[in-house]
Amino acid sequence: MRFAEEGASVVFTDLKVDENFQNTEKELQALGVKAKGYASNAADFEDTAGVVAQIVKDFGRIDVLVNNAGITRDGLMMRMSEQQWDMVINVNLKSAFNFIHAVTPVMMKQKSGSIINMASVVGVSGNAGQTNYSASKAGLIGLAKSIAKELGPRGIRANAIAPGFIITDMTNALSDEVKAEWAKQIPLRRGGTPEDVAKVARSSHPTCRRTSADR
């Protein structure tokens, strides 16, 4: 929303077209910008390549890519199944590879672009019971650093944002005790908001025109 509020065309992808998908598209369009959602599986390499090609066809260019797809399947290592591990790595980390791989030729042709990976503080510090999630977020940080070195000379920047405890639908599902424990570790004694994160993402690309986000 922050990008749209400042006049950027915005594209987003989601796994399926549902009420939330439709409402998001309407809210973006209500801000007077060109906006469109696409149904796509971010964890699927070919699906992602196809949707990026369609976005370029519809919008002409991609200035900013925000890799924001994320899920949790928490559990202690000794009890974690291979399925839990693979699902989180595929959605959280492989999806970012898929999108970066697809947009790189587009941004190289433009000789400009910004790639933003939504990581997490647990990608730096780790967290018991979240080995899969922590590993995926640490991977996003390393991915951004490596991409920055590869593509920086071509005018393409890459950054990772590693938020702490953010108040979202996903974290609201946690117990009050867990949320209170998280808040105690934060100097402001409260969780952050999606708007806080959006401001950081916005500041990473001061002259955006087209924005693509997967989720």
N, C-alpha and C. Protein backbone atom coordinates (compact mmCIF):
# COMPACT_ATOMS: atom_id res chain seq x y z
N MET A 1 0.83 -1.20 0.00
CA MET A 1 0.00 0.00 0.00
C MET A 1 0.87 1.27 0.00
N ARG A 2 1.97 1.21 0.72
CA ARG A 2 2.85 2.38 0.81
C ARG A 2 3.33 2.79 -0.58
N PHE A 3 3.72 1.83 -1.41
CA PHE A 3 4.18 2.15 -2.76
C PHE A 3 3.05 2.76 -3.58
N ALA A 4 1.85 2.19 -3.48
CA ALA A 4 0.70 2.70 -4.24
C ALA A 4 0.33 4.10 -3.79
N GLU A 5 0.40 4.36 -2.49
CA GLU A 5 0.07 5.68 -1.97
C GLU A 5 0.97 6.76 -2.55
N GLU A 6 2.17 6.36 -2.96
CA GLU A 6 3.11 7.33 -3.52
C GLU A 6 3.14 7.28 -5.04
N GLY A 7 2.13 6.63 -5.64
CA GLY A 7 1.96 6.70 -7.08
C GLY A 7 2.54 5.58 -7.91
N ALA A 8 3.11 4.56 -7.27
CA ALA A 8 3.70 3.46 -8.03
C ALA A 8 2.63 2.47 -8.48
N SER A 9 2.78 1.94 -9.67
CA SER A 9 1.95 0.82 -10.09
C SER A 9 2.37 -0.39 -9.26
N VAL A 10 1.41 -1.20 -8.84
CA VAL A 10 1.72 -2.31 -7.94
C VAL A 10 1.13 -3.61 -8.46
N VAL A 11 1.95 -4.63 -8.46
CA VAL A 11 1.54 -5.98 -8.82
C VAL A 11 1.79 -6.88 -7.62
N PHE A 12 0.91 -7.82 -7.36
CA PHE A 12 1.16 -8.80 -6.32
C PHE A 12 0.73 -10.17 -6.81
N THR A 13 1.31 -11.20 -6.23
CA THR A 13 0.90 -12.56 -6.56
C THR A 13 0.47 -13.27 -5.29
N ASP A 14 -0.42 -14.21 -5.45
CA ASP A 14 -0.86 -15.05 -4.34
C ASP A 14 -1.19 -16.42 -4.90
N LEU A 15 -1.26 -17.39 -4.02
CA LEU A 15 -1.46 -18.77 -4.46
C LEU A 15 -2.80 -18.97 -5.14
N LYS A 16 -3.81 -18.26 -4.65
CA LYS A 16 -5.14 -18.43 -5.24
C LYS A 16 -5.91 -17.12 -5.15
N VAL A 17 -6.93 -17.02 -5.98
CA VAL A 17 -7.81 -15.85 -5.96
C VAL A 17 -8.91 -16.11 -4.94
N ASP A 18 -8.85 -15.39 -3.83
CA ASP A 18 -9.87 -15.52 -2.79
C ASP A 18 -10.35 -14.12 -2.40
N GLU A 19 -11.12 -14.03 -1.34
CA GLU A 19 -11.65 -12.74 -0.92
C GLU A 19 -10.55 -11.75 -0.56
N ASN A 20 -9.52 -12.23 0.13
CA ASN A 20 -8.41 -11.36 0.51
C ASN A 20 -7.68 -10.85 -0.74
N PHE A 21 -7.48 -11.72 -1.71
CA PHE A 21 -6.85 -11.37 -2.98
C PHE A 21 -7.63 -10.25 -3.67
N GLN A 22 -8.94 -10.45 -3.78
CA GLN A 22 -9.79 -9.48 -4.47
C GLN A 22 -9.85 -8.15 -3.73
N ASN A 23 -9.91 -8.21 -2.40
CA ASN A 23 -9.95 -6.98 -1.61
C ASN A 23 -8.65 -6.19 -1.74
N THR A 24 -7.53 -6.91 -1.74
CA THR A 24 -6.23 -6.25 -1.90
C THR A 24 -6.15 -5.53 -3.23
N GLU A 25 -6.59 -6.19 -4.28
CA GLU A 25 -6.57 -5.58 -5.61
C GLU A 25 -7.44 -4.33 -5.66
N LYS A 26 -8.62 -4.40 -5.06
CA LYS A 26 -9.54 -3.26 -5.05
C LYS A 26 -8.97 -2.09 -4.24
N GLU A 27 -8.37 -2.40 -3.10
CA GLU A 27 -7.79 -1.35 -2.25
C GLU A 27 -6.66 -0.62 -2.98
N LEU A 28 -5.85 -1.36 -3.69
CA LEU A 28 -4.76 -0.74 -4.45
C LEU A 28 -5.30 0.13 -5.57
N GLN A 29 -6.26 -0.39 -6.31
CA GLN A 29 -6.83 0.36 -7.43
C GLN A 29 -7.57 1.61 -6.96
N ALA A 30 -8.12 1.54 -5.75
CA ALA A 30 -8.84 2.69 -5.20
C ALA A 30 -7.92 3.88 -4.94
N LEU A 31 -6.62 3.61 -4.89
CA LEU A 31 -5.64 4.68 -4.67
C LEU A 31 -5.29 5.39 -5.97
N GLY A 32 -5.92 4.96 -7.07
CA GLY A 32 -5.73 5.65 -8.34
C GLY A 32 -4.52 5.23 -9.14
N VAL A 33 -3.96 4.07 -8.81
CA VAL A 33 -2.80 3.58 -9.56
C VAL A 33 -3.17 2.32 -10.32
N LYS A 34 -2.34 1.96 -11.27
CA LYS A 34 -2.54 0.70 -11.98
C LYS A 34 -2.08 -0.42 -11.06
N ALA A 35 -2.98 -1.36 -10.79
CA ALA A 35 -2.65 -2.45 -9.87
C ALA A 35 -3.35 -3.72 -10.32
N LYS A 36 -2.67 -4.83 -10.14
CA LYS A 36 -3.25 -6.11 -10.56
C LYS A 36 -2.66 -7.25 -9.75
N GLY A 37 -3.49 -8.22 -9.40
CA GLY A 37 -3.03 -9.43 -8.73
C GLY A 37 -2.99 -10.59 -9.71
N TYR A 38 -2.06 -11.50 -9.47
CA TYR A 38 -1.92 -12.69 -10.32
C TYR A 38 -1.89 -13.93 -9.43
N ALA A 39 -2.63 -14.95 -9.82
CA ALA A 39 -2.59 -16.22 -9.10
C ALA A 39 -1.35 -16.98 -9.56
N SER A 40 -0.48 -17.33 -8.62
CA SER A 40 0.78 -17.97 -8.98
C SER A 40 1.35 -18.68 -7.76
N ASN A 41 2.00 -19.81 -7.99
CA ASN A 41 2.70 -20.53 -6.93
C ASN A 41 4.15 -20.07 -6.91
N ALA A 42 4.49 -19.23 -5.96
CA ALA A 42 5.84 -18.65 -5.91
C ALA A 42 6.92 -19.71 -5.73
N ALA A 43 6.56 -20.86 -5.17
CA ALA A 43 7.55 -21.92 -4.95
C ALA A 43 7.80 -22.76 -6.19
N ASP A 44 7.05 -22.50 -7.26
CA ASP A 44 7.20 -23.25 -8.51
C ASP A 44 8.00 -22.43 -9.52
N PHE A 45 9.11 -22.98 -9.98
CA PHE A 45 10.04 -22.25 -10.85
C PHE A 45 9.39 -21.82 -12.16
N GLU A 46 8.75 -22.75 -12.85
CA GLU A 46 8.14 -22.46 -14.14
C GLU A 46 6.95 -21.52 -14.00
N ASP A 47 6.16 -21.72 -12.96
CA ASP A 47 5.00 -20.86 -12.72
C ASP A 47 5.44 -19.42 -12.51
N THR A 48 6.51 -19.26 -11.75
CA THR A 48 7.04 -17.92 -11.48
C THR A 48 7.57 -17.25 -12.74
N ALA A 49 8.29 -18.00 -13.54
CA ALA A 49 8.81 -17.45 -14.80
C ALA A 49 7.67 -16.98 -15.69
N GLY A 50 6.59 -17.76 -15.71
CA GLY A 50 5.44 -17.40 -16.52
C GLY A 50 4.75 -16.14 -16.05
N VAL A 51 4.57 -16.01 -14.73
CA VAL A 51 3.85 -14.85 -14.22
C VAL A 51 4.69 -13.59 -14.37
N VAL A 52 6.00 -13.68 -14.23
CA VAL A 52 6.86 -12.51 -14.43
C VAL A 52 6.81 -12.06 -15.89
N ALA A 53 6.81 -13.01 -16.80
CA ALA A 53 6.71 -12.66 -18.22
C ALA A 53 5.38 -11.95 -18.51
N GLN A 54 4.31 -12.40 -17.87
CA GLN A 54 3.01 -11.78 -18.07
C GLN A 54 2.97 -10.38 -17.47
N ILE A 55 3.60 -10.21 -16.31
CA ILE A 55 3.65 -8.89 -15.67
C ILE A 55 4.37 -7.89 -16.56
N VAL A 56 5.50 -8.31 -17.12
CA VAL A 56 6.26 -7.42 -18.01
C VAL A 56 5.43 -7.08 -19.24
N LYS A 57 4.68 -8.05 -19.74
CA LYS A 57 3.82 -7.81 -20.90
C LYS A 57 2.73 -6.79 -20.56
N ASP A 58 2.17 -6.91 -19.35
CA ASP A 58 1.06 -6.03 -18.94
C ASP A 58 1.52 -4.65 -18.48
N PHE A 59 2.70 -4.60 -17.83
CA PHE A 59 3.14 -3.35 -17.20
C PHE A 59 4.38 -2.72 -17.86
N GLY A 60 5.08 -3.47 -18.67
CA GLY A 60 6.22 -2.91 -19.39
C GLY A 60 7.56 -3.03 -18.71
N ARG A 61 7.60 -3.01 -17.38
CA ARG A 61 8.86 -3.07 -16.65
C ARG A 61 8.60 -3.47 -15.20
N ILE A 62 9.67 -3.82 -14.49
CA ILE A 62 9.60 -4.09 -13.05
C ILE A 62 10.75 -3.34 -12.40
N ASP A 63 10.43 -2.38 -11.57
CA ASP A 63 11.47 -1.58 -10.90
C ASP A 63 11.85 -2.14 -9.53
N VAL A 64 10.88 -2.72 -8.84
CA VAL A 64 11.12 -3.22 -7.49
C VAL A 64 10.51 -4.61 -7.35
N LEU A 65 11.26 -5.53 -6.79
CA LEU A 65 10.75 -6.85 -6.45
C LEU A 65 10.82 -7.01 -4.94
N VAL A 66 9.68 -7.32 -4.32
CA VAL A 66 9.65 -7.59 -2.88
C VAL A 66 9.32 -9.07 -2.69
N ASN A 67 10.27 -9.83 -2.19
CA ASN A 67 10.05 -11.25 -1.91
C ASN A 67 9.49 -11.39 -0.50
N ASN A 68 8.19 -11.64 -0.43
CA ASN A 68 7.49 -11.59 0.86
C ASN A 68 6.72 -12.86 1.17
N ALA A 69 6.86 -13.90 0.35
CA ALA A 69 6.14 -15.15 0.61
C ALA A 69 6.69 -15.79 1.88
N GLY A 70 5.82 -16.20 2.77
CA GLY A 70 6.31 -16.79 4.02
C GLY A 70 5.27 -17.59 4.77
N ILE A 71 5.70 -18.73 5.31
CA ILE A 71 4.85 -19.55 6.17
C ILE A 71 5.69 -20.06 7.34
N THR A 72 5.03 -20.59 8.33
CA THR A 72 5.72 -21.27 9.44
C THR A 72 5.14 -22.67 9.61
N ARG A 73 6.00 -23.59 9.98
CA ARG A 73 5.60 -24.94 10.37
C ARG A 73 6.53 -25.32 11.52
N ASP A 74 6.25 -24.74 12.68
CA ASP A 74 7.17 -24.82 13.81
C ASP A 74 7.19 -26.21 14.45
N GLY A 75 8.32 -26.51 15.06
CA GLY A 75 8.47 -27.77 15.79
C GLY A 75 9.92 -27.97 16.17
N LEU A 76 10.16 -28.69 17.25
CA LEU A 76 11.52 -29.00 17.66
C LEU A 76 12.18 -29.89 16.61
N MET A 77 13.49 -29.78 16.46
CA MET A 77 14.20 -30.51 15.43
C MET A 77 13.93 -32.02 15.49
N MET A 78 13.95 -32.59 16.69
CA MET A 78 13.79 -34.04 16.81
C MET A 78 12.40 -34.51 16.39
N ARG A 79 11.45 -33.58 16.35
CA ARG A 79 10.09 -33.94 15.97
C ARG A 79 9.69 -33.40 14.60
N MET A 80 10.55 -32.63 13.99
CA MET A 80 10.21 -32.01 12.72
C MET A 80 10.27 -33.03 11.58
N SER A 81 9.23 -33.02 10.76
CA SER A 81 9.19 -33.94 9.63
C SER A 81 9.90 -33.32 8.43
N GLU A 82 10.28 -34.17 7.50
CA GLU A 82 10.89 -33.69 6.26
C GLU A 82 9.92 -32.78 5.51
N GLN A 83 8.64 -33.11 5.57
CA GLN A 83 7.63 -32.30 4.90
C GLN A 83 7.58 -30.89 5.49
N GLN A 84 7.65 -30.78 6.82
CA GLN A 84 7.65 -29.46 7.46
C GLN A 84 8.86 -28.64 7.02
N TRP A 85 10.00 -29.29 6.97
CA TRP A 85 11.23 -28.60 6.56
C TRP A 85 11.13 -28.13 5.11
N ASP A 86 10.79 -29.06 4.23
CA ASP A 86 10.75 -28.75 2.80
C ASP A 86 9.73 -27.67 2.47
N MET A 87 8.58 -27.72 3.12
CA MET A 87 7.51 -26.77 2.83
C MET A 87 7.95 -25.34 3.14
N VAL A 88 8.58 -25.15 4.29
CA VAL A 88 9.02 -23.81 4.70
C VAL A 88 10.16 -23.31 3.82
N ILE A 89 11.12 -24.17 3.53
CA ILE A 89 12.24 -23.77 2.68
C ILE A 89 11.75 -23.43 1.27
N ASN A 90 10.83 -24.22 0.74
CA ASN A 90 10.33 -23.97 -0.61
C ASN A 90 9.55 -22.66 -0.71
N VAL A 91 8.67 -22.42 0.25
CA VAL A 91 7.86 -21.21 0.20
C VAL A 91 8.67 -19.97 0.56
N ASN A 92 9.46 -20.05 1.60
CA ASN A 92 10.16 -18.86 2.10
C ASN A 92 11.43 -18.52 1.33
N LEU A 93 12.18 -19.53 0.93
CA LEU A 93 13.49 -19.28 0.32
C LEU A 93 13.52 -19.56 -1.18
N LYS A 94 13.03 -20.72 -1.59
CA LYS A 94 13.07 -21.05 -3.02
C LYS A 94 12.24 -20.07 -3.84
N SER A 95 11.15 -19.58 -3.26
CA SER A 95 10.31 -18.62 -3.98
C SER A 95 11.10 -17.36 -4.33
N ALA A 96 11.97 -16.93 -3.41
CA ALA A 96 12.79 -15.75 -3.66
C ALA A 96 13.77 -16.01 -4.80
N PHE A 97 14.39 -17.19 -4.79
CA PHE A 97 15.28 -17.56 -5.90
C PHE A 97 14.51 -17.54 -7.21
N ASN A 98 13.31 -18.12 -7.21
CA ASN A 98 12.50 -18.19 -8.43
C ASN A 98 12.23 -16.80 -9.00
N PHE A 99 11.80 -15.89 -8.14
CA PHE A 99 11.46 -14.54 -8.61
C PHE A 99 12.69 -13.75 -9.02
N ILE A 100 13.76 -13.86 -8.25
CA ILE A 100 14.98 -13.13 -8.61
C ILE A 100 15.52 -13.64 -9.95
N HIS A 101 15.50 -14.95 -10.12
CA HIS A 101 15.96 -15.54 -11.38
C HIS A 101 15.15 -15.02 -12.55
N ALA A 102 13.84 -14.86 -12.34
CA ALA A 102 12.95 -14.42 -13.42
C ALA A 102 13.07 -12.93 -13.73
N VAL A 103 13.28 -12.11 -12.70
CA VAL A 103 13.33 -10.65 -12.94
C VAL A 103 14.71 -10.15 -13.31
N THR A 104 15.74 -10.94 -13.06
CA THR A 104 17.10 -10.47 -13.34
C THR A 104 17.29 -10.03 -14.79
N PRO A 105 16.87 -10.81 -15.80
CA PRO A 105 17.03 -10.33 -17.18
C PRO A 105 16.25 -9.04 -17.45
N VAL A 106 15.10 -8.90 -16.81
CA VAL A 106 14.28 -7.70 -16.99
C VAL A 106 15.02 -6.48 -16.45
N MET A 107 15.53 -6.60 -15.23
CA MET A 107 16.23 -5.47 -14.61
C MET A 107 17.56 -5.18 -15.29
N MET A 108 18.23 -6.23 -15.77
CA MET A 108 19.49 -6.01 -16.48
C MET A 108 19.26 -5.23 -17.76
N LYS A 109 18.17 -5.53 -18.44
CA LYS A 109 17.83 -4.79 -19.66
C LYS A 109 17.53 -3.33 -19.34
N GLN A 110 16.89 -3.09 -18.19
CA GLN A 110 16.57 -1.72 -17.76
C GLN A 110 17.80 -0.99 -17.22
N LYS A 111 18.81 -1.78 -16.81
CA LYS A 111 20.01 -1.27 -16.15
C LYS A 111 19.67 -0.60 -14.83
N SER A 112 18.62 -1.10 -14.20
CA SER A 112 18.22 -0.57 -12.89
C SER A 112 17.22 -1.53 -12.25
N GLY A 113 17.09 -1.41 -10.94
CA GLY A 113 16.12 -2.23 -10.23
C GLY A 113 16.50 -2.38 -8.77
N SER A 114 15.54 -2.80 -7.98
CA SER A 114 15.76 -3.01 -6.55
C SER A 114 15.08 -4.30 -6.14
N ILE A 115 15.82 -5.16 -5.45
CA ILE A 115 15.29 -6.44 -4.96
C ILE A 115 15.31 -6.40 -3.44
N ILE A 116 14.17 -6.69 -2.83
CA ILE A 116 14.04 -6.63 -1.38
C ILE A 116 13.57 -7.99 -0.87
N ASN A 117 14.36 -8.63 -0.04
CA ASN A 117 13.97 -9.89 0.59
C ASN A 117 13.47 -9.62 2.00
N MET A 118 12.27 -10.06 2.30
CA MET A 118 11.74 -9.91 3.65
C MET A 118 12.23 -11.07 4.50
N ALA A 119 13.27 -10.82 5.28
CA ALA A 119 13.86 -11.84 6.14
C ALA A 119 13.24 -11.74 7.54
N SER A 120 14.03 -11.96 8.56
CA SER A 120 13.53 -11.90 9.94
C SER A 120 14.72 -11.85 10.88
N VAL A 121 14.48 -11.31 12.06
CA VAL A 121 15.53 -11.26 13.07
C VAL A 121 15.98 -12.67 13.45
N VAL A 122 15.09 -13.67 13.33
CA VAL A 122 15.49 -15.04 13.68
C VAL A 122 16.45 -15.61 12.64
N GLY A 123 16.53 -14.98 11.48
CA GLY A 123 17.53 -15.38 10.51
C GLY A 123 18.93 -14.99 10.93
N VAL A 124 19.01 -14.10 11.89
CA VAL A 124 20.29 -13.66 12.45
C VAL A 124 20.56 -14.36 13.78
N SER A 125 19.54 -14.40 14.64
CA SER A 125 19.72 -14.92 16.00
C SER A 125 19.35 -16.38 16.16
N GLY A 126 18.52 -16.91 15.24
CA GLY A 126 17.99 -18.26 15.42
C GLY A 126 16.88 -18.27 16.45
N ASN A 127 16.11 -19.36 16.50
CA ASN A 127 15.03 -19.46 17.47
C ASN A 127 14.66 -20.92 17.68
N ALA A 128 14.66 -21.34 18.91
CA ALA A 128 14.31 -22.73 19.23
C ALA A 128 12.90 -23.04 18.74
N GLY A 129 12.75 -24.19 18.12
CA GLY A 129 11.45 -24.59 17.61
C GLY A 129 11.15 -24.05 16.23
N GLN A 130 12.09 -23.29 15.66
CA GLN A 130 11.89 -22.71 14.33
C GLN A 130 13.14 -22.90 13.46
N THR A 131 13.72 -24.08 13.49
CA THR A 131 14.94 -24.29 12.71
C THR A 131 14.69 -24.10 11.22
N ASN A 132 13.54 -24.57 10.74
CA ASN A 132 13.24 -24.43 9.31
C ASN A 132 13.01 -22.97 8.94
N TYR A 133 12.22 -22.28 9.74
CA TYR A 133 11.92 -20.87 9.48
C TYR A 133 13.19 -20.01 9.59
N SER A 134 13.98 -20.25 10.65
CA SER A 134 15.21 -19.48 10.84
C SER A 134 16.19 -19.70 9.70
N ALA A 135 16.31 -20.95 9.27
CA ALA A 135 17.22 -21.27 8.16
C ALA A 135 16.76 -20.58 6.87
N SER A 136 15.46 -20.56 6.64
CA SER A 136 14.95 -19.93 5.42
C SER A 136 15.21 -18.42 5.43
N LYS A 137 15.06 -17.80 6.60
CA LYS A 137 15.27 -16.36 6.69
C LYS A 137 16.75 -15.99 6.63
N ALA A 138 17.59 -16.84 7.22
CA ALA A 138 19.04 -16.63 7.10
C ALA A 138 19.45 -16.75 5.64
N GLY A 139 18.83 -17.70 4.94
CA GLY A 139 19.10 -17.86 3.52
C GLY A 139 18.74 -16.64 2.71
N LEU A 140 17.64 -15.99 3.07
CA LEU A 140 17.22 -14.77 2.36
C LEU A 140 18.23 -13.64 2.54
N ILE A 141 18.83 -13.58 3.72
CA ILE A 141 19.85 -12.56 3.98
C ILE A 141 21.09 -12.83 3.13
N GLY A 142 21.56 -14.08 3.15
CA GLY A 142 22.72 -14.44 2.34
C GLY A 142 22.46 -14.27 0.86
N LEU A 143 21.24 -14.59 0.44
CA LEU A 143 20.85 -14.43 -0.96
C LEU A 143 20.92 -12.97 -1.39
N ALA A 144 20.39 -12.08 -0.55
CA ALA A 144 20.42 -10.65 -0.87
C ALA A 144 21.86 -10.13 -0.96
N LYS A 145 22.71 -10.56 -0.03
CA LYS A 145 24.11 -10.10 -0.05
C LYS A 145 24.82 -10.56 -1.32
N SER A 146 24.58 -11.80 -1.71
CA SER A 146 25.24 -12.34 -2.90
C SER A 146 24.73 -11.68 -4.17
N ILE A 147 23.41 -11.49 -4.25
CA ILE A 147 22.82 -10.84 -5.42
C ILE A 147 23.31 -9.40 -5.55
N ALA A 148 23.46 -8.72 -4.41
CA ALA A 148 23.97 -7.34 -4.43
C ALA A 148 25.36 -7.29 -5.06
N LYS A 149 26.19 -8.28 -4.75
CA LYS A 149 27.54 -8.30 -5.30
C LYS A 149 27.53 -8.66 -6.78
N GLU A 150 26.62 -9.54 -7.17
CA GLU A 150 26.54 -9.94 -8.58
C GLU A 150 25.96 -8.84 -9.46
N LEU A 151 24.88 -8.23 -9.00
CA LEU A 151 24.13 -7.32 -9.86
C LEU A 151 24.35 -5.84 -9.58
N GLY A 152 25.01 -5.52 -8.47
CA GLY A 152 25.29 -4.12 -8.16
C GLY A 152 25.99 -3.37 -9.28
N PRO A 153 27.02 -3.98 -9.90
CA PRO A 153 27.71 -3.29 -11.00
C PRO A 153 26.80 -3.00 -12.20
N ARG A 154 25.64 -3.64 -12.25
CA ARG A 154 24.71 -3.43 -13.36
C ARG A 154 23.55 -2.50 -12.96
N GLY A 155 23.71 -1.83 -11.83
CA GLY A 155 22.70 -0.86 -11.41
C GLY A 155 21.53 -1.46 -10.67
N ILE A 156 21.66 -2.71 -10.23
CA ILE A 156 20.57 -3.38 -9.52
C ILE A 156 20.97 -3.60 -8.07
N ARG A 157 20.17 -3.10 -7.16
CA ARG A 157 20.47 -3.22 -5.74
C ARG A 157 19.67 -4.36 -5.12
N ALA A 158 20.22 -4.95 -4.07
CA ALA A 158 19.52 -6.01 -3.34
C ALA A 158 19.72 -5.79 -1.85
N ASN A 159 18.64 -5.87 -1.11
CA ASN A 159 18.68 -5.69 0.34
C ASN A 159 17.78 -6.71 1.02
N ALA A 160 18.06 -6.98 2.26
CA ALA A 160 17.20 -7.82 3.09
C ALA A 160 16.73 -7.00 4.28
N ILE A 161 15.45 -7.09 4.59
CA ILE A 161 14.88 -6.44 5.76
C ILE A 161 14.59 -7.54 6.77
N ALA A 162 15.10 -7.39 7.99
CA ALA A 162 14.94 -8.44 9.00
C ALA A 162 14.15 -7.91 10.19
N PRO A 163 12.82 -7.88 10.09
CA PRO A 163 11.99 -7.37 11.18
C PRO A 163 12.05 -8.27 12.41
N GLY A 164 11.72 -7.68 13.54
CA GLY A 164 11.54 -8.46 14.76
C GLY A 164 10.09 -8.92 14.85
N PHE A 165 9.48 -8.72 16.00
CA PHE A 165 8.10 -9.16 16.20
C PHE A 165 7.14 -8.14 15.56
N ILE A 166 6.45 -8.57 14.51
CA ILE A 166 5.52 -7.70 13.78
C ILE A 166 4.10 -8.21 13.99
N ILE A 167 3.19 -7.30 14.27
CA ILE A 167 1.79 -7.67 14.52
C ILE A 167 1.10 -7.94 13.18
N THR A 168 0.87 -9.19 12.89
CA THR A 168 0.20 -9.61 11.66
C THR A 168 -0.81 -10.70 11.99
N ASP A 169 -1.55 -11.15 10.99
CA ASP A 169 -2.48 -12.25 11.21
C ASP A 169 -1.75 -13.49 11.69
N MET A 170 -0.53 -13.71 11.18
CA MET A 170 0.24 -14.89 11.56
C MET A 170 0.66 -14.83 13.03
N THR A 171 1.14 -13.66 13.48
CA THR A 171 1.58 -13.56 14.87
C THR A 171 0.40 -13.42 15.83
N ASN A 172 -0.73 -12.92 15.34
CA ASN A 172 -1.91 -12.83 16.20
C ASN A 172 -2.43 -14.19 16.61
N ALA A 173 -2.05 -15.21 15.85
CA ALA A 173 -2.48 -16.57 16.19
C ALA A 173 -1.71 -17.13 17.38
N LEU A 174 -0.62 -16.46 17.78
CA LEU A 174 0.16 -16.90 18.93
C LEU A 174 -0.60 -16.62 20.22
N SER A 175 -0.26 -17.35 21.26
CA SER A 175 -0.91 -17.14 22.56
C SER A 175 -0.51 -15.79 23.14
N ASP A 176 -1.33 -15.26 24.04
CA ASP A 176 -1.03 -13.98 24.68
C ASP A 176 0.28 -14.05 25.45
N GLU A 177 0.57 -15.22 26.02
CA GLU A 177 1.80 -15.38 26.79
C GLU A 177 3.03 -15.25 25.89
N VAL A 178 2.96 -15.87 24.73
CA VAL A 178 4.09 -15.81 23.79
C VAL A 178 4.28 -14.38 23.29
N LYS A 179 3.19 -13.71 22.95
CA LYS A 179 3.28 -12.33 22.47
C LYS A 179 3.83 -11.40 23.55
N ALA A 180 3.43 -11.63 24.78
CA ALA A 180 3.92 -10.80 25.89
C ALA A 180 5.42 -11.01 26.09
N GLU A 181 5.87 -12.24 25.94
CA GLU A 181 7.29 -12.55 26.10
C GLU A 181 8.12 -11.88 25.00
N TRP A 182 7.61 -11.88 23.78
CA TRP A 182 8.28 -11.19 22.69
C TRP A 182 8.37 -9.69 22.98
N ALA A 183 7.25 -9.11 23.43
CA ALA A 183 7.20 -7.66 23.67
C ALA A 183 8.20 -7.23 24.74
N LYS A 184 8.43 -8.08 25.73
CA LYS A 184 9.36 -7.75 26.81
C LYS A 184 10.79 -7.58 26.30
N GLN A 185 11.10 -8.20 25.18
CA GLN A 185 12.45 -8.13 24.63
C GLN A 185 12.67 -6.92 23.72
N ILE A 186 11.60 -6.14 23.51
CA ILE A 186 11.65 -4.99 22.61
C ILE A 186 11.69 -3.70 23.43
N PRO A 187 12.64 -2.80 23.16
CA PRO A 187 12.75 -1.56 23.95
C PRO A 187 11.44 -0.77 24.02
N LEU A 188 10.66 -0.73 22.93
CA LEU A 188 9.39 0.00 22.94
C LEU A 188 8.28 -0.78 23.64
N ARG A 189 8.57 -2.02 24.00
CA ARG A 189 7.60 -2.88 24.69
C ARG A 189 6.35 -3.14 23.85
N ARG A 190 6.52 -3.16 22.56
CA ARG A 190 5.41 -3.49 21.66
C ARG A 190 5.96 -4.05 20.36
N GLY A 191 5.11 -4.77 19.65
CA GLY A 191 5.52 -5.28 18.36
C GLY A 191 5.48 -4.19 17.31
N GLY A 192 6.16 -4.42 16.20
CA GLY A 192 6.10 -3.49 15.09
C GLY A 192 4.83 -3.70 14.29
N THR A 193 4.61 -2.86 13.31
CA THR A 193 3.43 -2.95 12.46
C THR A 193 3.86 -3.14 11.00
N PRO A 194 2.97 -3.67 10.17
CA PRO A 194 3.29 -3.77 8.74
C PRO A 194 3.67 -2.43 8.13
N GLU A 195 3.07 -1.35 8.64
CA GLU A 195 3.39 -0.01 8.14
C GLU A 195 4.85 0.34 8.44
N ASP A 196 5.34 -0.07 9.61
CA ASP A 196 6.75 0.17 9.94
C ASP A 196 7.66 -0.48 8.91
N VAL A 197 7.34 -1.72 8.57
CA VAL A 197 8.15 -2.47 7.61
C VAL A 197 8.02 -1.85 6.22
N ALA A 198 6.81 -1.43 5.87
CA ALA A 198 6.59 -0.82 4.55
C ALA A 198 7.44 0.43 4.37
N LYS A 199 7.59 1.21 5.43
CA LYS A 199 8.40 2.42 5.34
C LYS A 199 9.86 2.09 5.07
N VAL A 200 10.34 1.00 5.67
CA VAL A 200 11.72 0.58 5.43
C VAL A 200 11.87 0.13 3.98
N ALA A 201 10.91 -0.66 3.51
CA ALA A 201 10.96 -1.14 2.12
C ALA A 201 10.90 0.03 1.15
N ARG A 202 10.04 0.99 1.45
CA ARG A 202 9.90 2.17 0.58
C ARG A 202 11.20 2.95 0.51
N SER A 203 11.87 3.08 1.63
CA SER A 203 13.10 3.87 1.66
C SER A 203 14.24 3.19 0.90
N SER A 204 14.10 1.90 0.65
CA SER A 204 15.16 1.18 -0.06
C SER A 204 15.14 1.44 -1.55
N HIS A 205 14.03 2.03 -2.04
CA HIS A 205 13.96 2.37 -3.47
C HIS A 205 13.23 3.69 -3.63
N PRO A 206 13.94 4.81 -3.59
CA PRO A 206 13.32 6.13 -3.55
C PRO A 206 12.61 6.57 -4.82
N THR A 207 12.84 5.90 -5.95
CA THR A 207 12.22 6.38 -7.20
C THR A 207 11.46 5.28 -7.91
N CYS A 208 10.71 4.46 -7.17
CA CYS A 208 10.02 3.33 -7.77
C CYS A 208 8.88 3.78 -8.69
N ARG A 209 8.66 2.99 -9.73
CA ARG A 209 7.53 3.24 -10.64
C ARG A 209 6.65 1.99 -10.75
N ARG A 210 7.26 0.83 -10.87
CA ARG A 210 6.51 -0.41 -10.92
C ARG A 210 7.01 -1.30 -9.80
N THR A 211 6.11 -1.86 -9.04
CA THR A 211 6.50 -2.73 -7.93
C THR A 211 5.82 -4.07 -8.07
N SER A 212 6.58 -5.13 -7.90
CA SER A 212 6.02 -6.48 -7.90
C SER A 212 6.31 -7.13 -6.56
N ALA A 213 5.29 -7.74 -5.96
CA ALA A 213 5.48 -8.41 -4.68
C ALA A 213 4.85 -9.78 -4.72
N ASP A 214 5.54 -10.78 -4.19
CA ASP A 214 4.90 -12.08 -4.04
C ASP A 214 4.61 -12.30 -2.57
N ARG A 215 3.62 -13.12 -2.28
CA ARG A 215 3.28 -13.32 -0.87
C ARG A 215 2.68 -14.69 -0.66
